[in-house]
N, C-alpha and C. Protein backbone atom coordinates (compact mmCIF):
# COMPACT_ATOMS: atom_id res chain seq x y z
N UNK A 1 0.85 -1.16 0.05
CA UNK A 1 0.08 0.03 0.00
C UNK A 1 0.94 1.33 -0.05
N UNK A 2 0.64 2.16 -0.91
CA UNK A 2 1.46 3.22 -1.00
C UNK A 2 1.10 4.28 0.19
N UNK A 3 1.97 5.28 0.30
CA UNK A 3 1.87 6.24 1.34
C UNK A 3 0.60 7.08 1.32
N UNK A 4 0.13 7.48 0.19
CA UNK A 4 -1.07 8.13 -0.10
C UNK A 4 -2.24 7.30 0.22
N UNK A 5 -2.24 6.04 -0.04
CA UNK A 5 -3.42 5.03 0.39
C UNK A 5 -3.50 4.92 1.83
N UNK A 6 -2.21 4.77 2.47
CA UNK A 6 -2.09 4.66 3.85
C UNK A 6 -2.78 5.79 4.45
N UNK A 7 -2.52 7.14 4.20
CA UNK A 7 -2.91 8.26 4.83
C UNK A 7 -4.37 8.35 4.65
N UNK A 8 -5.02 8.02 3.39
CA UNK A 8 -6.46 7.92 3.15
C UNK A 8 -7.17 7.10 4.14
N UNK A 9 -6.54 5.98 4.28
CA UNK A 9 -7.09 5.00 5.27
C UNK A 9 -7.24 5.63 6.73
N UNK A 10 -5.94 6.14 7.21
CA UNK A 10 -5.90 6.66 8.56
C UNK A 10 -7.02 7.72 8.49
N UNK A 11 -7.13 8.65 7.65
CA UNK A 11 -8.19 9.62 7.45
C UNK A 11 -9.63 9.15 7.66
N UNK A 12 -9.81 8.11 6.92
CA UNK A 12 -11.20 7.38 6.81
C UNK A 12 -11.39 6.86 8.21
N UNK A 13 -10.64 6.43 8.99
CA UNK A 13 -10.83 5.79 10.23
C UNK A 13 -11.16 6.85 11.28
N UNK A 14 -10.44 7.94 11.16
CA UNK A 14 -10.67 9.10 12.07
C UNK A 14 -12.10 9.77 11.70
N UNK A 15 -12.48 9.85 10.51
CA UNK A 15 -13.75 10.42 10.05
C UNK A 15 -14.84 9.43 10.54
N UNK A 16 -14.68 8.21 10.37
CA UNK A 16 -15.53 7.19 10.81
C UNK A 16 -15.98 7.45 12.26
N UNK A 17 -14.82 7.53 13.25
CA UNK A 17 -15.00 7.68 14.61
C UNK A 17 -15.98 8.98 14.74
N UNK A 18 -15.49 9.97 14.12
CA UNK A 18 -16.27 11.26 14.54
C UNK A 18 -17.47 11.19 13.89
N UNK A 19 -17.91 10.73 12.84
CA UNK A 19 -19.31 10.49 12.38
C UNK A 19 -20.14 9.77 13.22
N UNK A 20 -19.69 8.75 13.74
CA UNK A 20 -20.53 7.65 14.69
C UNK A 20 -20.63 8.37 16.09
N UNK A 21 -19.58 8.97 16.45
CA UNK A 21 -19.65 9.79 17.72
C UNK A 21 -20.67 10.98 17.78
N UNK A 22 -20.57 11.80 16.75
CA UNK A 22 -21.58 13.08 16.54
C UNK A 22 -22.84 12.36 16.24
N UNK A 23 -23.03 11.36 15.35
CA UNK A 23 -24.34 10.82 15.14
C UNK A 23 -25.13 10.38 16.58
N UNK A 24 -24.37 9.72 17.23
CA UNK A 24 -24.79 8.97 18.54
C UNK A 24 -25.11 10.18 19.45
N UNK A 25 -24.31 11.30 19.44
CA UNK A 25 -24.86 12.23 20.35
C UNK A 25 -26.15 12.97 19.85
N UNK A 26 -26.24 13.08 18.69
CA UNK A 26 -27.29 13.76 18.11
C UNK A 26 -28.59 13.06 18.30
N UNK A 27 -28.52 11.72 17.96
CA UNK A 27 -29.52 10.75 18.19
C UNK A 27 -29.92 10.99 19.71
N UNK A 28 -29.04 10.78 20.67
CA UNK A 28 -29.37 10.70 22.03
C UNK A 28 -30.09 12.22 22.32
N UNK A 29 -29.80 13.14 21.89
CA UNK A 29 -30.46 14.48 22.12
C UNK A 29 -31.81 14.49 21.63
N UNK A 30 -31.97 13.63 20.48
CA UNK A 30 -33.30 13.68 19.87
C UNK A 30 -34.18 12.53 20.67
N UNK A 31 -33.56 12.01 21.64
CA UNK A 31 -34.24 10.93 22.31
C UNK A 31 -34.64 9.60 21.45
N UNK A 32 -33.66 9.41 20.48
CA UNK A 32 -33.76 8.33 19.63
C UNK A 32 -32.68 7.24 20.27
N UNK A 33 -32.88 6.72 21.29
CA UNK A 33 -32.13 6.15 22.11
C UNK A 33 -31.39 4.65 21.35
N UNK A 34 -32.18 4.14 20.66
CA UNK A 34 -31.68 2.93 20.02
C UNK A 34 -30.65 3.20 19.04
N UNK A 35 -30.87 4.30 18.24
CA UNK A 35 -29.97 4.71 17.18
C UNK A 35 -28.80 5.32 17.90
N UNK A 36 -28.92 6.05 19.22
CA UNK A 36 -27.79 6.52 19.74
C UNK A 36 -26.71 5.45 20.14
N UNK A 37 -27.44 4.26 20.76
CA UNK A 37 -26.61 3.16 21.18
C UNK A 37 -25.95 2.47 20.04
N UNK A 38 -26.50 2.30 18.92
CA UNK A 38 -25.93 1.79 17.85
C UNK A 38 -24.62 2.64 17.34
N UNK A 39 -24.88 4.07 17.19
CA UNK A 39 -23.84 4.68 16.61
C UNK A 39 -22.55 4.78 17.67
N UNK A 40 -22.94 5.08 18.95
CA UNK A 40 -21.97 5.19 20.03
C UNK A 40 -21.08 3.88 20.24
N UNK A 41 -21.89 2.75 20.21
CA UNK A 41 -21.17 1.58 20.33
C UNK A 41 -20.09 1.25 19.23
N UNK A 42 -20.41 1.76 17.96
CA UNK A 42 -19.42 1.69 16.86
C UNK A 42 -18.31 2.65 17.06
N UNK A 43 -18.65 3.76 17.69
CA UNK A 43 -17.48 4.91 18.10
C UNK A 43 -16.68 4.31 19.14
N UNK A 44 -16.93 3.57 20.19
CA UNK A 44 -16.08 3.16 21.15
C UNK A 44 -15.39 1.91 20.72
N UNK A 45 -15.72 1.29 19.69
CA UNK A 45 -15.07 -0.03 19.13
C UNK A 45 -13.84 0.70 18.25
N UNK A 46 -13.86 1.73 17.84
CA UNK A 46 -12.95 2.42 17.07
C UNK A 46 -11.42 2.38 17.82
N UNK A 47 -10.51 2.39 17.19
CA UNK A 47 -9.11 2.45 17.60
C UNK A 47 -8.96 3.54 18.61
N UNK A 48 -8.56 3.12 19.95
CA UNK A 48 -8.57 4.10 21.06
C UNK A 48 -7.62 5.38 20.73
N UNK A 49 -6.75 5.27 19.84
CA UNK A 49 -5.84 6.15 19.43
C UNK A 49 -6.62 7.43 18.65
N UNK A 50 -7.73 7.10 18.23
CA UNK A 50 -8.60 8.03 17.44
C UNK A 50 -9.31 8.84 18.20
N UNK A 51 -9.52 8.72 19.57
CA UNK A 51 -10.43 9.38 20.34
C UNK A 51 -9.53 9.77 21.73
N UNK A 52 -10.10 10.99 22.41
CA UNK A 52 -9.43 11.22 23.84
C UNK A 52 -10.22 10.55 24.85
N UNK A 53 -9.72 10.61 26.06
CA UNK A 53 -10.37 10.09 27.21
C UNK A 53 -11.62 10.74 27.44
N UNK A 54 -11.75 12.05 27.10
CA UNK A 54 -12.91 12.83 27.32
C UNK A 54 -13.99 12.28 26.26
N UNK A 55 -13.73 12.02 24.96
CA UNK A 55 -14.60 11.50 24.00
C UNK A 55 -15.25 10.15 24.47
N UNK A 56 -14.11 9.31 24.89
CA UNK A 56 -14.55 8.01 25.43
C UNK A 56 -15.55 8.15 26.60
N UNK A 57 -15.22 8.91 27.63
CA UNK A 57 -16.03 9.20 28.70
C UNK A 57 -17.52 9.64 28.36
N UNK A 58 -17.56 10.56 27.36
CA UNK A 58 -18.88 11.03 27.03
C UNK A 58 -19.63 9.80 26.34
N UNK A 59 -18.85 8.96 25.29
CA UNK A 59 -19.58 7.72 24.84
C UNK A 59 -20.18 6.96 25.97
N UNK A 60 -19.40 6.66 26.96
CA UNK A 60 -19.74 5.78 27.95
C UNK A 60 -20.85 6.21 28.71
N UNK A 61 -20.94 7.62 29.12
CA UNK A 61 -21.99 7.96 29.82
C UNK A 61 -23.29 8.17 29.09
N UNK A 62 -23.18 8.49 27.81
CA UNK A 62 -24.29 8.57 27.00
C UNK A 62 -24.88 7.30 26.55
N UNK A 63 -24.06 6.14 26.66
CA UNK A 63 -24.56 4.78 26.38
C UNK A 63 -25.23 4.43 27.58
N UNK A 64 -24.69 4.76 28.79
CA UNK A 64 -25.41 4.37 29.99
C UNK A 64 -26.87 5.15 30.17
N UNK A 65 -26.80 6.40 29.69
CA UNK A 65 -27.95 7.14 29.78
C UNK A 65 -29.02 6.56 28.68
N UNK A 66 -28.70 6.13 27.60
CA UNK A 66 -29.63 5.71 26.58
C UNK A 66 -29.98 4.29 26.84
N UNK A 67 -29.32 3.39 27.45
CA UNK A 67 -29.73 2.11 27.93
C UNK A 67 -30.83 2.26 29.13
N UNK A 68 -30.39 3.22 30.02
CA UNK A 68 -31.36 3.49 31.16
C UNK A 68 -32.74 3.80 30.56
N UNK A 69 -32.69 4.88 29.53
CA UNK A 69 -34.09 5.39 29.12
C UNK A 69 -34.70 4.48 28.49
N UNK A 70 -34.18 3.24 27.90
CA UNK A 70 -34.90 2.29 27.20
C UNK A 70 -35.11 1.10 28.29
N UNK A 71 -34.85 1.40 29.60
CA UNK A 71 -35.06 0.35 30.65
C UNK A 71 -34.19 -0.92 30.56
N UNK A 72 -33.15 -0.62 29.91
CA UNK A 72 -32.20 -1.82 29.87
C UNK A 72 -31.15 -1.41 31.03
N UNK A 73 -31.45 -1.64 32.12
CA UNK A 73 -30.76 -1.35 33.45
C UNK A 73 -29.30 -1.90 33.64
N UNK A 74 -29.42 -3.26 33.30
CA UNK A 74 -28.00 -3.81 33.49
C UNK A 74 -26.95 -3.33 32.42
N UNK A 75 -27.29 -2.97 31.28
CA UNK A 75 -26.34 -2.50 30.29
C UNK A 75 -26.05 -0.98 30.71
N UNK A 76 -26.94 -0.35 31.18
CA UNK A 76 -26.77 0.98 31.71
C UNK A 76 -25.62 0.99 32.79
N UNK A 77 -25.83 0.03 33.71
CA UNK A 77 -24.80 0.04 34.88
C UNK A 77 -23.39 -0.26 34.32
N UNK A 78 -23.31 -0.95 33.20
CA UNK A 78 -22.03 -1.54 32.61
C UNK A 78 -21.38 -0.21 32.21
N UNK A 79 -22.12 0.48 31.38
CA UNK A 79 -21.58 1.66 30.74
C UNK A 79 -21.31 2.77 31.69
N UNK A 80 -21.96 2.96 32.63
CA UNK A 80 -21.79 4.00 33.80
C UNK A 80 -20.41 3.69 34.35
N UNK A 81 -20.29 2.20 34.92
CA UNK A 81 -19.14 1.76 35.42
C UNK A 81 -17.82 2.09 34.38
N UNK A 82 -17.99 1.83 33.29
CA UNK A 82 -16.79 2.25 32.34
C UNK A 82 -16.48 3.75 32.39
N UNK A 83 -17.59 4.39 32.44
CA UNK A 83 -17.35 5.93 32.41
C UNK A 83 -16.49 6.36 33.56
N UNK A 84 -16.95 5.69 34.85
CA UNK A 84 -16.25 6.09 36.08
C UNK A 84 -14.78 5.74 35.86
N UNK A 85 -14.34 4.78 35.33
CA UNK A 85 -13.01 4.32 35.21
C UNK A 85 -12.15 5.10 34.20
N UNK A 86 -12.76 5.95 33.56
CA UNK A 86 -12.04 6.86 32.57
C UNK A 86 -11.25 7.80 33.51
N UNK A 87 -9.93 7.98 33.21
CA UNK A 87 -9.18 8.96 34.18
C UNK A 87 -9.43 10.37 33.69
N UNK A 88 -8.91 11.33 34.65
CA UNK A 88 -8.95 12.66 34.37
C UNK A 88 -10.17 13.43 33.79
N UNK A 89 -11.24 13.17 34.25
CA UNK A 89 -12.40 14.00 34.06
C UNK A 89 -12.82 14.86 35.21
N UNK A 90 -13.60 15.89 34.93
CA UNK A 90 -14.10 16.84 35.95
C UNK A 90 -14.87 16.13 37.01
N UNK A 91 -14.57 16.47 38.15
CA UNK A 91 -15.45 15.97 39.33
C UNK A 91 -17.01 15.94 39.07
N UNK A 92 -17.25 17.05 38.65
CA UNK A 92 -18.87 17.22 38.27
C UNK A 92 -19.36 16.12 37.24
N UNK A 93 -18.57 15.77 36.31
CA UNK A 93 -18.93 14.74 35.44
C UNK A 93 -19.03 13.44 36.08
N UNK A 94 -17.96 13.09 36.94
CA UNK A 94 -18.07 12.03 37.68
C UNK A 94 -19.31 11.86 38.55
N UNK A 95 -19.56 13.06 39.23
CA UNK A 95 -20.65 13.19 40.11
C UNK A 95 -22.01 12.83 39.20
N UNK A 96 -22.26 13.38 38.06
CA UNK A 96 -23.43 13.11 37.21
C UNK A 96 -23.43 11.58 37.17
N UNK A 97 -22.46 10.97 36.70
CA UNK A 97 -22.49 9.45 36.48
C UNK A 97 -22.73 8.59 37.67
N UNK A 98 -22.27 9.15 38.82
CA UNK A 98 -22.36 8.44 40.27
C UNK A 98 -23.84 8.39 40.51
N UNK A 99 -24.38 9.58 40.34
CA UNK A 99 -25.98 9.82 40.58
C UNK A 99 -26.87 9.00 39.67
N UNK A 100 -26.34 8.91 38.34
CA UNK A 100 -27.30 8.13 37.44
C UNK A 100 -26.97 6.59 37.75
N UNK A 101 -25.80 6.16 38.12
CA UNK A 101 -25.54 4.89 38.38
C UNK A 101 -26.35 4.46 39.68
N UNK A 102 -26.41 5.20 40.72
CA UNK A 102 -27.25 5.17 41.95
C UNK A 102 -28.71 4.79 41.61
N UNK A 103 -29.17 5.67 40.89
CA UNK A 103 -30.66 5.63 40.45
C UNK A 103 -30.87 4.30 39.68
N UNK A 104 -30.11 3.98 38.82
CA UNK A 104 -30.46 2.63 38.06
C UNK A 104 -30.26 1.45 38.85
N UNK A 105 -29.33 1.51 39.72
CA UNK A 105 -29.11 0.53 40.73
C UNK A 105 -30.33 0.27 41.64
N UNK A 106 -30.89 1.35 42.06
CA UNK A 106 -32.00 1.38 42.83
C UNK A 106 -33.33 0.79 42.02
N UNK A 107 -33.40 1.23 40.94
CA UNK A 107 -34.49 0.69 40.00
C UNK A 107 -34.34 -0.67 39.77
N UNK A 108 -33.18 -1.26 39.70
CA UNK A 108 -32.91 -2.77 39.34
C UNK A 108 -33.30 -3.35 40.70
N UNK A 109 -32.81 -2.74 41.92
CA UNK A 109 -33.21 -3.38 43.20
C UNK A 109 -34.58 -3.54 43.36
N UNK A 110 -35.45 -2.42 43.13
CA UNK A 110 -36.74 -2.36 43.30
C UNK A 110 -37.54 -3.35 42.30
N UNK A 111 -37.02 -3.53 41.16
CA UNK A 111 -37.55 -4.45 40.11
C UNK A 111 -37.38 -5.84 40.62
N UNK A 112 -36.29 -6.09 41.12
CA UNK A 112 -36.00 -7.30 41.60
C UNK A 112 -36.72 -7.88 42.84
N UNK A 113 -36.91 -6.83 43.78
CA UNK A 113 -37.69 -7.07 45.00
C UNK A 113 -39.32 -7.26 44.49
N UNK A 114 -39.71 -6.65 43.35
CA UNK A 114 -41.12 -6.60 43.03
C UNK A 114 -41.31 -8.14 42.36
N UNK A 115 -40.41 -8.68 41.81
CA UNK A 115 -40.53 -9.78 41.04
C UNK A 115 -40.59 -10.88 42.23
N UNK A 116 -39.79 -10.83 43.24
CA UNK A 116 -39.74 -11.84 44.43
C UNK A 116 -41.20 -11.62 45.16
N UNK A 117 -41.60 -10.54 45.37
CA UNK A 117 -42.95 -10.11 46.00
C UNK A 117 -44.00 -10.90 45.22
N UNK A 118 -44.03 -10.76 43.81
CA UNK A 118 -44.96 -11.38 43.01
C UNK A 118 -44.79 -12.92 43.19
N UNK A 119 -43.73 -13.39 43.19
CA UNK A 119 -43.50 -14.92 43.29
C UNK A 119 -44.16 -15.35 44.49
N UNK A 120 -43.86 -14.57 45.45
CA UNK A 120 -44.33 -15.04 46.98
C UNK A 120 -45.78 -14.92 46.95
N UNK A 121 -46.57 -13.96 46.56
CA UNK A 121 -47.97 -13.97 46.37
C UNK A 121 -48.51 -14.97 45.48
N UNK A 122 -47.86 -15.36 44.57
CA UNK A 122 -48.42 -16.59 43.60
C UNK A 122 -48.35 -17.85 44.42
N UNK A 123 -47.35 -18.16 45.16
CA UNK A 123 -47.45 -19.32 45.89
C UNK A 123 -48.34 -19.25 46.93
N UNK A 124 -48.59 -18.23 47.53
CA UNK A 124 -49.66 -18.09 48.72
C UNK A 124 -50.96 -18.39 48.22
N UNK A 125 -51.20 -18.02 46.96
CA UNK A 125 -52.63 -18.04 46.53
C UNK A 125 -52.99 -19.27 46.25
C-alpha cells in the first residue's frame, strides 16, 4: 500500500469515529436512544488512538443514559461503570455518572424485589 493510500485509510478511520460519535450524540439529544446506542457503540469500538479520554467518557456516559432510558438497566450499569473508570475527567462529570448509576441500581433493586414479591404472592394463592 502506498503512502497516499495509507494516509487516506487513516483519515477514513478518524472520520468514521467522528461521524459515529457525533451521530450518536445527536440521536441521544433527539431521544432516539436505540440509534444513539448503535452509533456510540461503533464509536467506542474504534481504535482508542482515534479519540481522547474525554470523548470515550462521553460515549460511555451517553450509552449508560440511553440504555437506562430504554429500561435496559444492566447494560446502563455496565456503561456507567466504564465511564467512572476513565481517568482525568471533571469531578462534576463523575458526580453526574455516580448519581445516574445510583438511580439505575435502585431501579434494578426495586424491580428484583417486586418480582420476588409477585412470586411469593403467587405461591400463597
